[in-house]
Amino acid sequence: MQAPSKKYRVSLAVFFSISVVLLAGIYFYAITPQSMILRDVQKRLNEATNRYASAQQAQKKQTKLRLQERLAGLEQKLGEFVIESGKAAGLTFEISQIADDLKVEDFTSKRKEAFSQVVLEGFKDIGEVWIDISFNGDFHRFASFVNRLERHAPVVFVENFSVEKMANNSKNHQVKMGVSFFVSRDMVAGL
């Protein structure tokens, strides 16, 4: 038997190389995308199965009770951050009471007209009210005032402040601050 010629071996090697490249191309351009599509379909099927199982569970009395408890908890958390309709004036009064308790001098508060009761972007039921506050007091009273505001429920956010030494060399400083809080939509409806 005669050994294959060199030309035949080169042709066979080229054919084999081209075949391997074609098979790799078919794999990467035909089979791989199909595998990805199959994984995506399986993922969507699993999600649909989970939603169906959740819908079946939702019909059970225990599940309804758990969901109602969860909703009540979420409403309570929302209550820590949002003032109900008609209570914004009461909050302003509570801020004044904090100032009185701390015995700060020359306390004033005024709604910031440009920001008063702005409906928050992306939240259809929540608005934001800004108040400018100013008073005179020492640093301890200022720090106590800020601390009590930020621990208040519903939450009052101290957005900015400035503290300036008074000209008469007293221990008191002049404090100016901007605070904000959230109100429910029906409070903002009058815009």
Foldseek 3Di string as FASTA:
>chain_A
DDDDDPVVVVVVVVVVVVVVVVVVCCCVPPVVVVVVVVVVVVVVVVVVVVVVVVVVVCPDPVNVVVVVVVVVVVVVVVQLFADEAPCPVVVVVVLVVLCVVLVWAPKDKDWDVVQAFACDPPDQWKTKTKMKIKTKDAPVSVVSSQVCQCVDGSHKAFPDKDWACDPVPDRITIMITMIMGMYTRVNSVVD
